[in-house]
PDB file of N, CA and C in Angstrom:
ATOM      1  N   MET A   1     -16.502 -14.322 -11.585  1.00  0.00           N
ATOM      2  CA  MET A   1     -17.278 -14.310 -12.804  1.00  0.00           C
ATOM      3  C   MET A   1     -16.582 -13.345 -13.718  1.00  0.00           C
ATOM      4  N   THR A   2     -16.058 -13.744 -14.885  1.00  0.00           N
ATOM      5  CA  THR A   2     -15.529 -12.814 -15.856  1.00  0.00           C
ATOM      6  C   THR A   2     -16.685 -12.378 -16.741  1.00  0.00           C
ATOM      7  N   ILE A   3     -16.541 -11.067 -16.857  1.00  0.00           N
ATOM      8  CA  ILE A   3     -17.518 -10.249 -17.779  1.00  0.00           C
ATOM      9  C   ILE A   3     -17.272 -10.536 -19.260  1.00  0.00           C
ATOM     10  N   SER A   4     -16.009 -10.487 -19.628  1.00  0.00           N
ATOM     11  CA  SER A   4     -15.526 -10.582 -20.953  1.00  0.00           C
ATOM     12  C   SER A   4     -14.251 -11.410 -21.110  1.00  0.00           C
ATOM     13  N   SER A   5     -14.245 -12.355 -21.979  1.00  0.00           N
ATOM     14  CA  SER A   5     -13.261 -13.204 -22.088  1.00  0.00           C
ATOM     15  C   SER A   5     -12.136 -12.572 -22.888  1.00  0.00           C
ATOM     16  N   GLY A   6     -12.291 -11.431 -23.639  1.00  0.00           N
ATOM     17  CA  GLY A   6     -11.412 -10.501 -24.550  1.00  0.00           C
ATOM     18  C   GLY A   6     -10.668  -9.723 -23.636  1.00  0.00           C
ATOM     19  N   ARG A   7      -9.682  -8.968 -24.145  1.00  0.00           N
ATOM     20  CA  ARG A   7      -8.855  -8.064 -23.391  1.00  0.00           C
ATOM     21  C   ARG A   7      -8.957  -6.778 -24.182  1.00  0.00           C
ATOM     22  N   ASN A   8      -8.792  -5.637 -23.687  1.00  0.00           N
ATOM     23  CA  ASN A   8      -8.839  -4.416 -24.284  1.00  0.00           C
ATOM     24  C   ASN A   8      -7.260  -4.145 -24.684  1.00  0.00           C
ATOM     25  N   ALA A   9      -6.981  -2.952 -25.394  1.00  0.00           N
ATOM     26  CA  ALA A   9      -5.767  -2.799 -25.945  1.00  0.00           C
ATOM     27  C   ALA A   9      -4.637  -2.839 -24.953  1.00  0.00           C
ATOM     28  N   ALA A  10      -4.944  -2.532 -23.741  1.00  0.00           N
ATOM     29  CA  ALA A  10      -3.940  -2.541 -22.563  1.00  0.00           C
ATOM     30  C   ALA A  10      -3.671  -3.899 -22.167  1.00  0.00           C
ATOM     31  N   GLY A  11      -4.357  -4.846 -22.722  1.00  0.00           N
ATOM     32  CA  GLY A  11      -4.276  -6.177 -22.096  1.00  0.00           C
ATOM     33  C   GLY A  11      -5.137  -6.568 -20.951  1.00  0.00           C
ATOM     34  N   GLU A  12      -5.998  -5.704 -20.506  1.00  0.00           N
ATOM     35  CA  GLU A  12      -6.862  -5.674 -19.433  1.00  0.00           C
ATOM     36  C   GLU A  12      -8.166  -6.409 -19.798  1.00  0.00           C
ATOM     37  N   ARG A  13      -8.559  -7.200 -18.848  1.00  0.00           N
ATOM     38  CA  ARG A  13      -9.890  -7.864 -18.893  1.00  0.00           C
ATOM     39  C   ARG A  13     -10.849  -7.243 -17.905  1.00  0.00           C
ATOM     40  N   ARG A  14     -12.210  -7.074 -18.238  1.00  0.00           N
ATOM     41  CA  ARG A  14     -13.201  -6.690 -17.413  1.00  0.00           C
ATOM     42  C   ARG A  14     -13.849  -7.938 -16.670  1.00  0.00           C
ATOM     43  N   THR A  15     -13.874  -7.849 -15.392  1.00  0.00           N
ATOM     44  CA  THR A  15     -14.402  -8.886 -14.496  1.00  0.00           C
ATOM     45  C   THR A  15     -15.356  -8.192 -13.387  1.00  0.00           C
ATOM     46  N   ALA A  16     -15.998  -9.069 -12.834  1.00  0.00           N
ATOM     47  CA  ALA A  16     -16.956  -8.722 -11.627  1.00  0.00           C
ATOM     48  C   ALA A  16     -16.477  -9.429 -10.394  1.00  0.00           C
ATOM     49  N   CYS A  17     -16.306  -8.697  -9.323  1.00  0.00           N
ATOM     50  CA  CYS A  17     -15.732  -9.088  -8.097  1.00  0.00           C
ATOM     51  C   CYS A  17     -16.716 -10.186  -7.599  1.00  0.00           C
ATOM     52  N   PRO A  18     -16.120 -11.246  -7.240  1.00  0.00           N
ATOM     53  CA  PRO A  18     -17.107 -12.461  -6.776  1.00  0.00           C
ATOM     54  C   PRO A  18     -17.620 -12.193  -5.280  1.00  0.00           C
ATOM     55  N   ARG A  19     -17.045 -11.173  -4.537  1.00  0.00           N
ATOM     56  CA  ARG A  19     -17.561 -10.894  -3.341  1.00  0.00           C
ATOM     57  C   ARG A  19     -18.778  -9.770  -3.189  1.00  0.00           C
ATOM     58  N   CYS A  20     -18.485  -8.837  -4.150  1.00  0.00           N
ATOM     59  CA  CYS A  20     -19.387  -7.585  -4.126  1.00  0.00           C
ATOM     60  C   CYS A  20     -20.047  -7.396  -5.364  1.00  0.00           C
ATOM     61  N   GLY A  21     -19.665  -7.784  -6.424  1.00  0.00           N
ATOM     62  CA  GLY A  21     -20.234  -7.740  -7.739  1.00  0.00           C
ATOM     63  C   GLY A  21     -19.673  -6.545  -8.543  1.00  0.00           C
ATOM     64  N   THR A  22     -18.769  -5.598  -7.954  1.00  0.00           N
ATOM     65  CA  THR A  22     -18.165  -4.491  -8.754  1.00  0.00           C
ATOM     66  C   THR A  22     -17.307  -5.031  -9.853  1.00  0.00           C
ATOM     67  N   VAL A  23     -17.850  -4.185 -11.084  1.00  0.00           N
ATOM     68  CA  VAL A  23     -16.991  -4.687 -12.218  1.00  0.00           C
ATOM     69  C   VAL A  23     -15.743  -3.680 -12.354  1.00  0.00           C
ATOM     70  N   PHE A  24     -14.642  -4.295 -12.591  1.00  0.00           N
ATOM     71  CA  PHE A  24     -13.381  -3.659 -12.558  1.00  0.00           C
ATOM     72  C   PHE A  24     -12.282  -4.168 -13.585  1.00  0.00           C
ATOM     73  N   GLY A  25     -11.167  -3.624 -13.871  1.00  0.00           N
ATOM     74  CA  GLY A  25     -10.259  -4.164 -14.869  1.00  0.00           C
ATOM     75  C   GLY A  25      -9.258  -4.936 -14.159  1.00  0.00           C
ATOM     76  N   CYS A  26      -8.820  -6.038 -14.853  1.00  0.00           N
ATOM     77  CA  CYS A  26      -7.745  -6.955 -14.247  1.00  0.00           C
ATOM     78  C   CYS A  26      -6.787  -7.280 -15.345  1.00  0.00           C
ATOM     79  N   ASN A  27      -5.375  -7.088 -14.827  1.00  0.00           N
ATOM     80  CA  ASN A  27      -4.528  -7.228 -15.936  1.00  0.00           C
ATOM     81  C   ASN A  27      -3.305  -8.052 -15.210  1.00  0.00           C
ATOM     82  N   LEU A  28      -3.366  -9.480 -15.406  1.00  0.00           N
ATOM     83  CA  LEU A  28      -2.463 -10.239 -14.665  1.00  0.00           C
ATOM     84  C   LEU A  28      -1.097 -10.194 -15.471  1.00  0.00           C
ATOM     85  N   SER A  29      -0.932  -9.683 -16.626  1.00  0.00           N
ATOM     86  CA  SER A  29       0.252  -9.800 -17.336  1.00  0.00           C
ATOM     87  C   SER A  29       1.259  -8.599 -16.838  1.00  0.00           C
ATOM     88  N   GLY A  30       0.873  -7.807 -16.029  1.00  0.00           N
ATOM     89  CA  GLY A  30       1.774  -6.847 -15.397  1.00  0.00           C
ATOM     90  C   GLY A  30       0.910  -5.396 -15.580  1.00  0.00           C
ATOM     91  N   GLY A  31       1.458  -4.551 -14.715  1.00  0.00           N
ATOM     92  CA  GLY A  31       0.827  -3.226 -14.576  1.00  0.00           C
ATOM     93  C   GLY A  31      -0.430  -3.079 -13.923  1.00  0.00           C
ATOM     94  N   CYS A  32      -0.865  -4.135 -13.365  1.00  0.00           N
ATOM     95  CA  CYS A  32      -2.283  -4.095 -12.764  1.00  0.00           C
ATOM     96  C   CYS A  32      -2.372  -3.295 -11.450  1.00  0.00           C
ATOM     97  N   TRP A  33      -3.395  -2.631 -10.992  1.00  0.00           N
ATOM     98  CA  TRP A  33      -3.491  -1.972  -9.858  1.00  0.00           C
ATOM     99  C   TRP A  33      -3.082  -2.765  -8.663  1.00  0.00           C
ATOM    100  N   CYS A  34      -3.478  -4.211  -8.754  1.00  0.00           N
ATOM    101  CA  CYS A  34      -3.368  -5.026  -7.512  1.00  0.00           C
ATOM    102  C   CYS A  34      -1.789  -5.134  -7.134  1.00  0.00           C
ATOM    103  N   ASN A  35      -0.968  -4.749  -8.150  1.00  0.00           N
ATOM    104  CA  ASN A  35       0.555  -4.916  -7.789  1.00  0.00           C
ATOM    105  C   ASN A  35       0.937  -3.764  -6.796  1.00  0.00           C
ATOM    106  N   ASP A  36       0.077  -2.827  -6.455  1.00  0.00           N
ATOM    107  CA  ASP A  36       0.479  -1.765  -5.572  1.00  0.00           C
ATOM    108  C   ASP A  36      -0.120  -2.109  -4.209  1.00  0.00           C
ATOM    109  N   ILE A  37      -0.862  -3.436  -3.940  1.00  0.00           N
ATOM    110  CA  ILE A  37      -1.256  -3.676  -2.598  1.00  0.00           C
ATOM    111  C   ILE A  37      -0.150  -4.432  -1.949  1.00  0.00           C
ATOM    112  N   SER A  38       0.343  -3.950  -0.676  1.00  0.00           N
ATOM    113  CA  SER A  38       1.660  -4.512  -0.401  1.00  0.00           C
ATOM    114  C   SER A  38       1.452  -6.062   0.422  1.00  0.00           C
ATOM    115  N   ALA A  39       0.285  -6.500   0.310  1.00  0.00           N
ATOM    116  CA  ALA A  39       0.031  -7.857   1.131  1.00  0.00           C
ATOM    117  C   ALA A  39       0.368  -9.031   0.259  1.00  0.00           C
ATOM    118  N   ARG A  40       0.832  -9.982   0.801  1.00  0.00           N
ATOM    119  CA  ARG A  40       1.091 -11.289   0.095  1.00  0.00           C
ATOM    120  C   ARG A  40       0.001 -12.106   0.447  1.00  0.00           C
ATOM    121  N   LEU A  41      -0.936 -12.235  -0.494  1.00  0.00           N
ATOM    122  CA  LEU A  41      -2.149 -13.070  -0.238  1.00  0.00           C
ATOM    123  C   LEU A  41      -2.165 -14.300  -1.290  1.00  0.00           C
ATOM    124  N   PRO A  42      -2.678 -15.341  -0.870  1.00  0.00           N
ATOM    125  CA  PRO A  42      -2.876 -16.461  -1.772  1.00  0.00           C
ATOM    126  C   PRO A  42      -3.723 -16.193  -3.069  1.00  0.00           C
ATOM    127  N   LEU A  43      -3.471 -16.971  -3.996  1.00  0.00           N
ATOM    128  CA  LEU A  43      -4.164 -16.884  -5.247  1.00  0.00           C
ATOM    129  C   LEU A  43      -5.685 -17.156  -4.891  1.00  0.00           C
ATOM    130  N   PRO A  44      -6.669 -16.634  -5.697  1.00  0.00           N
ATOM    131  CA  PRO A  44      -8.061 -17.087  -5.411  1.00  0.00           C
ATOM    132  C   PRO A  44      -8.310 -18.586  -5.577  1.00  0.00           C
ATOM    133  N   THR A  45      -9.076 -19.025  -4.750  1.00  0.00           N
ATOM    134  CA  THR A  45      -9.480 -20.597  -4.686  1.00  0.00           C
ATOM    135  C   THR A  45     -10.918 -20.720  -5.022  1.00  0.00           C
ATOM    136  N   ASN A  46     -11.322 -21.932  -5.017  1.00  0.00           N
ATOM    137  CA  ASN A  46     -12.721 -22.302  -5.217  1.00  0.00           C
ATOM    138  C   ASN A  46     -13.465 -21.552  -6.348  1.00  0.00           C
ATOM    139  N   ASP A  47     -12.703 -21.536  -7.395  1.00  0.00           N
ATOM    140  CA  ASP A  47     -13.312 -20.736  -8.677  1.00  0.00           C
ATOM    141  C   ASP A  47     -13.679 -19.409  -8.655  1.00  0.00           C
ATOM    142  N   GLU A  48     -12.905 -18.751  -7.453  1.00  0.00           N
ATOM    143  CA  GLU A  48     -13.084 -17.300  -7.053  1.00  0.00           C
ATOM    144  C   GLU A  48     -12.186 -16.516  -8.050  1.00  0.00           C
ATOM    145  N   ASP A  49     -12.642 -15.519  -8.640  1.00  0.00           N
ATOM    146  CA  ASP A  49     -11.886 -14.766  -9.728  1.00  0.00           C
ATOM    147  C   ASP A  49     -11.157 -13.576  -8.813  1.00  0.00           C
ATOM    148  N   CYS A  50     -10.493 -12.751  -9.397  1.00  0.00           N
ATOM    149  CA  CYS A  50      -9.846 -11.599  -8.668  1.00  0.00           C
ATOM    150  C   CYS A  50     -10.829 -10.788  -8.114  1.00  0.00           C
ATOM    151  N   LEU A  51     -10.462 -10.052  -7.011  1.00  0.00           N
ATOM    152  CA  LEU A  51     -11.181  -9.366  -6.079  1.00  0.00           C
ATOM    153  C   LEU A  51     -11.044  -7.830  -6.588  1.00  0.00           C
ATOM    154  N   CYS A  52     -12.013  -6.994  -6.564  1.00  0.00           N
ATOM    155  CA  CYS A  52     -11.973  -5.551  -6.789  1.00  0.00           C
ATOM    156  C   CYS A  52     -11.101  -4.907  -5.849  1.00  0.00           C
ATOM    157  N   PRO A  53     -10.631  -3.719  -6.050  1.00  0.00           N
ATOM    158  CA  PRO A  53      -9.792  -3.032  -5.353  1.00  0.00           C
ATOM    159  C   PRO A  53     -10.187  -2.953  -3.795  1.00  0.00           C
ATOM    160  N   ALA A  54     -11.467  -2.575  -3.704  1.00  0.00           N
ATOM    161  CA  ALA A  54     -11.902  -2.339  -2.253  1.00  0.00           C
ATOM    162  C   ALA A  54     -12.045  -3.694  -1.533  1.00  0.00           C
ATOM    163  N   CYS A  55     -12.390  -4.812  -2.012  1.00  0.00           N
ATOM    164  CA  CYS A  55     -12.496  -6.071  -1.350  1.00  0.00           C
ATOM    165  C   CYS A  55     -11.111  -6.620  -1.161  1.00  0.00           C
ATOM    166  N   LEU A  56     -10.082  -6.426  -2.065  1.00  0.00           N
ATOM    167  CA  LEU A  56      -8.676  -6.921  -1.974  1.00  0.00           C
ATOM    168  C   LEU A  56      -8.127  -6.109  -0.767  1.00  0.00           C
ATOM    169  N   ARG A  57      -8.347  -4.869  -0.737  1.00  0.00           N
ATOM    170  CA  ARG A  57      -7.806  -4.059   0.292  1.00  0.00           C
ATOM    171  C   ARG A  57      -8.297  -4.539   1.734  1.00  0.00           C
ATOM    172  N   ALA A  58      -9.649  -4.776   1.699  1.00  0.00           N
ATOM    173  CA  ALA A  58     -10.295  -5.400   2.945  1.00  0.00           C
ATOM    174  C   ALA A  58      -9.582  -6.645   3.320  1.00  0.00           C
ATOM    175  N   VAL A  59      -9.376  -7.599   2.435  1.00  0.00           N
ATOM    176  CA  VAL A  59      -8.881  -8.991   2.846  1.00  0.00           C
ATOM    177  C   VAL A  59      -7.260  -8.707   3.234  1.00  0.00           C
ATOM    178  N   ALA A  60      -6.592  -7.729   2.610  1.00  0.00           N
ATOM    179  CA  ALA A  60      -5.241  -7.551   2.862  1.00  0.00           C
ATOM    180  C   ALA A  60      -5.179  -6.933   4.417  1.00  0.00           C
ATOM    181  N   ASP A  61      -6.015  -6.033   4.586  1.00  0.00           N
ATOM    182  CA  ASP A  61      -6.151  -5.419   6.034  1.00  0.00           C
ATOM    183  C   ASP A  61      -6.415  -6.491   7.061  1.00  0.00           C
ATOM    184  N   ALA A  62      -7.412  -7.344   6.824  1.00  0.00           N
ATOM    185  CA  ALA A  62      -7.701  -8.434   7.761  1.00  0.00           C
ATOM    186  C   ALA A  62      -6.588  -9.221   7.953  1.00  0.00           C
ATOM    187  N   ALA A  63      -5.823  -9.682   6.861  1.00  0.00           N
ATOM    188  CA  ALA A  63      -4.685 -10.420   6.867  1.00  0.00           C
ATOM    189  C   ALA A  63      -3.642  -9.889   7.819  1.00  0.00           C
ATOM    190  N   ARG A  64      -3.440  -8.589   7.582  1.00  0.00           N
ATOM    191  CA  ARG A  64      -2.382  -7.881   8.264  1.00  0.00           C
ATOM    192  C   ARG A  64      -2.807  -7.713   9.809  1.00  0.00           C
ATOM    193  N   ARG A  65      -4.004  -7.578  10.109  1.00  0.00           N
ATOM    194  CA  ARG A  65      -4.518  -7.560  11.469  1.00  0.00           C
ATOM    195  C   ARG A  65      -4.260  -8.898  12.198  1.00  0.00           C
ATOM    196  N   THR A  66      -4.520  -9.931  11.352  1.00  0.00           N
ATOM    197  CA  THR A  66      -4.521 -11.226  11.923  1.00  0.00           C
ATOM    198  C   THR A  66      -2.820 -11.517  12.257  1.00  0.00           C
ATOM    199  N   ALA A  67      -2.059 -11.195  11.369  1.00  0.00           N
ATOM    200  CA  ALA A  67      -0.682 -11.372  11.507  1.00  0.00           C
ATOM    201  C   ALA A  67      -0.124 -10.560  12.657  1.00  0.00           C
ATOM    202  N   ASP A  68      -0.566  -9.398  12.907  1.00  0.00           N
ATOM    203  CA  ASP A  68      -0.262  -8.562  13.955  1.00  0.00           C
ATOM    204  C   ASP A  68      -0.649  -9.071  15.298  1.00  0.00           C
ATOM    205  N   ASP A  69      -1.944  -9.548  15.405  1.00  0.00           N
ATOM    206  CA  ASP A  69      -2.458 -10.356  16.594  1.00  0.00           C
ATOM    207  C   ASP A  69      -1.709 -11.545  17.052  1.00  0.00           C
ATOM    208  N   ARG A  70      -1.297 -12.230  15.694  1.00  0.00           N
ATOM    209  CA  ARG A  70      -0.337 -13.470  16.206  1.00  0.00           C
ATOM    210  C   ARG A  70       0.843 -12.955  16.764  1.00  0.00           C
ATOM    211  N   SER A  71       1.547 -11.982  16.250  1.00  0.00           N
ATOM    212  CA  SER A  71       2.786 -11.477  16.642  1.00  0.00           C
ATOM    213  C   SER A  71       2.681 -10.965  18.081  1.00  0.00           C
ATOM    214  N   LYS A  72       1.604 -10.238  18.495  1.00  0.00           N
ATOM    215  CA  LYS A  72       1.402  -9.906  19.775  1.00  0.00           C
ATOM    216  C   LYS A  72       1.400 -10.960  20.877  1.00  0.00           C
ATOM    217  N   THR A  73       0.470 -11.928  20.363  1.00  0.00           N
ATOM    218  CA  THR A  73       0.297 -13.196  21.161  1.00  0.00           C
ATOM    219  C   THR A  73       1.658 -13.987  21.444  1.00  0.00           C
ATOM    220  N   SER A  74       2.387 -13.913  20.411  1.00  0.00           N
ATOM    221  CA  SER A  74       3.735 -14.719  20.424  1.00  0.00           C
ATOM    222  C   SER A  74       4.758 -13.855  21.353  1.00  0.00           C
ATOM    223  N   ASP A  75       4.608 -12.506  21.390  1.00  0.00           N
ATOM    224  CA  ASP A  75       5.554 -11.868  22.056  1.00  0.00           C
ATOM    225  C   ASP A  75       5.111 -12.039  23.695  1.00  0.00           C
ATOM    226  N   LEU A  76       3.725 -11.985  23.858  1.00  0.00           N
ATOM    227  CA  LEU A  76       3.307 -12.146  25.242  1.00  0.00           C
ATOM    228  C   LEU A  76       3.672 -13.532  25.812  1.00  0.00           C
ATOM    229  N   SER A  77       3.720 -14.508  24.971  1.00  0.00           N
ATOM    230  CA  SER A  77       4.048 -15.946  25.490  1.00  0.00           C
ATOM    231  C   SER A  77       5.549 -16.020  25.740  1.00  0.00           C
ATOM    232  N   LYS A  78       6.357 -15.204  25.313  1.00  0.00           N
ATOM    233  CA  LYS A  78       7.848 -15.204  25.487  1.00  0.00           C
ATOM    234  C   LYS A  78       8.126 -14.504  26.682  1.00  0.00           C
ATOM    235  N   SER A  79       7.240 -13.629  27.330  1.00  0.00           N
ATOM    236  CA  SER A  79       7.419 -12.866  28.375  1.00  0.00           C
ATOM    237  C   SER A  79       7.437 -13.747  29.912  1.00  0.00           C
TER     238      SER A  79
END
């Protein structure tokens, strides 16, 4: 859910996280805080907007744990 369709002077839009409702700034044109998250996640789907920093970190951590679990399982099957 986008709070405002306008952008501030920095090109940032205010939006609410679809998971927890936290209002935060999003700047897809560059310089956004989400660029600092080192995970490679798919773009939002099902009309879901950008996630807030806390929810995005939680999704990234869960994806990392899943990848680690798959790697461990693959290593065990090679033994």
